[in-house]
Amino acid sequence: MVDPATGELITTQLFVAVWGASNYTYAEAEMAECYGCAVLPARPRKPRDKAKVEAGVLLAQRWILAVLRQRTFYDLADLNSAMPGTT
């Protein structure tokens, strides 16, 4: 993202969650900061804990980040609405 007032680049994080039973994948930029909560990742070295999330992250890299890589965004709402699969 770019700060519209200064032109400074703002780094954002992409939050990716996968519902275990349905494999539904949800992604949103800077979600935790917006809602004032902490994201607790899966335990390290426990592949059964995070196999579906790893697949969801790969999906996000291929279908979200690759599509948006060359675009410029000035706020989170525009960034989130431009993600494929969102309305």
Protein backbone atom coordinates (compact mmCIF):
# COMPACT_ATOMS: atom_id res chain seq x y z
CA MET A 1 0.00 0.00 0.00
CA VAL A 2 1.01 3.62 -0.45
CA ASP A 3 0.28 6.45 1.97
CA PRO A 4 -1.64 8.94 -0.22
CA ALA A 5 -0.33 11.95 1.72
CA THR A 6 3.39 11.12 1.72
CA GLY A 7 3.83 8.47 -0.98
CA GLU A 8 5.51 6.23 1.62
CA LEU A 9 5.18 2.48 1.12
CA ILE A 10 3.24 0.72 3.89
CA THR A 11 3.91 -2.98 4.44
CA THR A 12 0.84 -5.07 5.20
CA GLN A 13 0.36 -8.67 6.24
CA LEU A 14 -2.12 -11.08 4.71
CA PHE A 15 -4.15 -13.06 7.25
CA VAL A 16 -5.15 -16.49 5.92
CA ALA A 17 -7.49 -18.85 7.80
CA VAL A 18 -8.85 -22.21 6.67
CA TRP A 19 -11.94 -23.83 8.19
CA GLY A 20 -11.02 -27.45 8.89
CA ALA A 21 -14.24 -29.24 7.97
CA SER A 22 -15.06 -27.38 4.76
CA ASN A 23 -11.59 -26.22 3.58
CA TYR A 24 -13.13 -22.74 3.16
CA THR A 25 -10.28 -20.25 2.92
CA TYR A 26 -10.56 -16.69 4.21
CA ALA A 27 -7.97 -13.96 3.56
CA GLU A 28 -7.86 -10.32 4.59
CA ALA A 29 -5.08 -7.69 4.76
CA GLU A 30 -4.13 -6.43 8.27
CA MET A 31 -7.23 -8.03 9.84
CA ALA A 32 -5.74 -8.55 13.31
CA GLU A 33 -4.58 -4.96 13.67
CA CYS A 34 -7.94 -3.62 12.49
CA TYR A 35 -9.84 -5.66 15.09
CA GLY A 36 -7.23 -5.23 17.83
CA CYS A 37 -6.59 -8.94 18.33
CA ALA A 38 -3.63 -11.29 18.26
CA VAL A 39 -3.16 -14.09 15.76
CA LEU A 40 -1.86 -17.30 17.29
CA PRO A 41 -0.20 -19.45 14.64
CA ALA A 42 -0.19 -23.24 14.67
CA ARG A 43 2.49 -25.03 16.69
CA PRO A 44 5.86 -25.39 14.91
CA ARG A 45 6.96 -28.85 13.78
CA LYS A 46 3.38 -30.17 14.02
CA PRO A 47 2.36 -30.75 10.38
CA ARG A 48 -1.04 -32.21 11.28
CA ASP A 49 -1.96 -28.91 12.94
CA LYS A 50 -1.46 -26.84 9.84
CA ALA A 51 -1.66 -28.92 6.66
CA LYS A 52 -4.87 -27.20 5.53
CA VAL A 53 -3.50 -23.76 6.36
CA GLU A 54 -0.32 -24.43 4.39
CA ALA A 55 -2.51 -25.29 1.39
CA GLY A 56 -4.52 -22.11 2.02
CA VAL A 57 -1.37 -19.99 2.08
CA LEU A 58 -0.25 -21.54 -1.21
CA LEU A 59 -3.69 -20.76 -2.64
CA ALA A 60 -3.41 -17.15 -1.41
CA GLN A 61 0.02 -16.76 -2.98
CA ARG A 62 -1.16 -18.09 -6.33
CA TRP A 63 -4.60 -16.51 -6.56
CA ILE A 64 -4.39 -13.32 -4.50
CA LEU A 65 -0.83 -12.04 -4.27
CA ALA A 66 0.04 -12.92 -7.87
CA VAL A 67 -3.04 -11.08 -9.18
CA LEU A 68 -2.50 -7.96 -7.04
CA ARG A 69 1.31 -7.76 -7.18
CA GLN A 70 1.52 -5.01 -9.84
CA ARG A 71 -1.34 -2.86 -8.51
CA THR A 72 -1.12 0.12 -6.14
CA PHE A 73 -3.53 0.53 -3.23
CA TYR A 74 -4.06 3.53 -0.97
CA ASP A 75 -6.24 1.97 1.76
CA LEU A 76 -7.11 -1.43 3.19
CA ALA A 77 -10.70 -1.35 2.02
CA ASP A 78 -9.62 -1.06 -1.62
CA LEU A 79 -7.00 -3.77 -1.17
CA ASN A 80 -9.44 -6.19 0.46
CA SER A 81 -12.19 -5.55 -2.10
CA ALA A 82 -9.76 -6.17 -4.98
CA MET A 83 -8.86 -9.65 -3.75
CA PRO A 84 -10.17 -12.40 -6.03
CA GLY A 85 -13.13 -14.22 -4.57
CA THR A 86 -14.41 -11.18 -2.61
CA THR A 87 -17.33 -8.96 -3.45
